[in-house]
Amino acid sequence: AADSLRGTFRETNLSELAAFTSYALALPSSFLALVDTYD
């Protein structure tokens, strides 16, 4: 089951990156990113 979920998480993370990037480009003076990582 873990192998089948990896693709889903990878796709979700790419779409989240795209959303953050789009927001930062649209509102550069008010954008503040908080990045939380896990291992």
N, C-alpha and C. Protein backbone atom coordinates (compact mmCIF):
# COMPACT_ATOMS: atom_id res chain seq x y z
N ALA A 1 0.82 -1.20 0.00
CA ALA A 1 0.00 0.00 0.00
C ALA A 1 0.86 1.26 0.00
N ALA A 2 1.99 1.22 0.72
CA ALA A 2 2.85 2.40 0.78
C ALA A 2 3.37 2.79 -0.59
N ASP A 3 3.71 1.81 -1.42
CA ASP A 3 4.20 2.13 -2.76
C ASP A 3 3.14 2.82 -3.61
N SER A 4 1.90 2.43 -3.47
CA SER A 4 0.84 3.06 -4.27
C SER A 4 0.55 4.48 -3.81
N LEU A 5 0.83 4.81 -2.56
CA LEU A 5 0.57 6.16 -2.05
C LEU A 5 1.68 7.14 -2.41
N ARG A 6 2.87 6.65 -2.67
CA ARG A 6 3.99 7.56 -2.96
C ARG A 6 3.70 8.45 -4.16
N GLY A 7 3.14 7.90 -5.22
CA GLY A 7 2.81 8.70 -6.40
C GLY A 7 1.81 9.80 -6.07
N THR A 8 0.83 9.49 -5.26
CA THR A 8 -0.18 10.48 -4.88
C THR A 8 0.45 11.62 -4.10
N PHE A 9 1.30 11.32 -3.13
CA PHE A 9 1.94 12.37 -2.35
C PHE A 9 2.85 13.22 -3.22
N ARG A 10 3.57 12.59 -4.12
CA ARG A 10 4.46 13.33 -5.01
C ARG A 10 3.66 14.30 -5.87
N GLU A 11 2.54 13.86 -6.43
CA GLU A 11 1.70 14.73 -7.25
C GLU A 11 1.11 15.87 -6.42
N THR A 12 0.69 15.57 -5.21
CA THR A 12 0.13 16.60 -4.34
C THR A 12 1.18 17.65 -4.02
N ASN A 13 2.39 17.23 -3.71
CA ASN A 13 3.44 18.18 -3.38
C ASN A 13 3.77 19.08 -4.55
N LEU A 14 3.76 18.54 -5.78
CA LEU A 14 4.03 19.37 -6.95
C LEU A 14 2.93 20.40 -7.16
N SER A 15 1.69 20.02 -6.93
CA SER A 15 0.61 20.99 -7.10
C SER A 15 0.64 22.05 -6.00
N GLU A 16 1.05 21.66 -4.81
CA GLU A 16 1.19 22.64 -3.73
C GLU A 16 2.32 23.62 -4.05
N LEU A 17 3.42 23.11 -4.60
CA LEU A 17 4.52 23.98 -5.00
C LEU A 17 4.06 24.96 -6.07
N ALA A 18 3.29 24.49 -7.02
CA ALA A 18 2.77 25.36 -8.07
C ALA A 18 1.86 26.44 -7.48
N ALA A 19 1.04 26.07 -6.52
CA ALA A 19 0.14 27.04 -5.90
C ALA A 19 0.92 28.10 -5.12
N PHE A 20 1.91 27.68 -4.35
CA PHE A 20 2.73 28.65 -3.61
C PHE A 20 3.48 29.57 -4.56
N THR A 21 4.03 29.01 -5.63
CA THR A 21 4.77 29.81 -6.60
C THR A 21 3.86 30.83 -7.27
N SER A 22 2.69 30.41 -7.67
CA SER A 22 1.74 31.32 -8.32
C SER A 22 1.34 32.45 -7.38
N TYR A 23 1.08 32.11 -6.14
CA TYR A 23 0.69 33.12 -5.15
C TYR A 23 1.84 34.10 -4.91
N ALA A 24 3.05 33.58 -4.79
CA ALA A 24 4.22 34.44 -4.55
C ALA A 24 4.45 35.39 -5.73
N LEU A 25 4.26 34.91 -6.94
CA LEU A 25 4.45 35.76 -8.11
C LEU A 25 3.34 36.81 -8.23
N ALA A 26 2.14 36.46 -7.82
CA ALA A 26 1.02 37.39 -7.91
C ALA A 26 1.08 38.47 -6.84
N LEU A 27 1.56 38.11 -5.65
CA LEU A 27 1.60 39.05 -4.52
C LEU A 27 2.98 39.04 -3.86
N PRO A 28 4.00 39.51 -4.57
CA PRO A 28 5.36 39.38 -4.03
C PRO A 28 5.63 40.19 -2.76
N SER A 29 4.94 41.29 -2.57
CA SER A 29 5.22 42.11 -1.38
C SER A 29 4.52 41.60 -0.12
N SER A 30 3.53 40.73 -0.27
CA SER A 30 2.82 40.25 0.91
C SER A 30 2.91 38.74 1.10
N PHE A 31 3.77 38.10 0.32
CA PHE A 31 3.89 36.64 0.41
C PHE A 31 4.86 36.25 1.52
N LEU A 32 4.43 35.35 2.38
CA LEU A 32 5.27 34.80 3.43
C LEU A 32 5.06 33.29 3.44
N ALA A 33 6.12 32.55 3.21
CA ALA A 33 6.00 31.09 3.14
C ALA A 33 6.55 30.46 4.41
N LEU A 34 5.80 29.55 4.97
CA LEU A 34 6.24 28.74 6.09
C LEU A 34 6.35 27.32 5.57
N VAL A 35 7.55 26.79 5.58
CA VAL A 35 7.79 25.46 5.02
C VAL A 35 8.09 24.49 6.15
N ASP A 36 7.33 23.43 6.22
CA ASP A 36 7.53 22.39 7.22
C ASP A 36 7.94 21.12 6.49
N THR A 37 9.00 20.49 6.94
CA THR A 37 9.48 19.28 6.28
C THR A 37 9.37 18.10 7.23
N TYR A 38 9.37 16.94 6.66
CA TYR A 38 9.37 15.72 7.46
C TYR A 38 10.21 14.69 6.75
N ASP A 39 10.67 13.73 7.50
CA ASP A 39 11.52 12.69 6.92
C ASP A 39 10.92 11.34 7.20
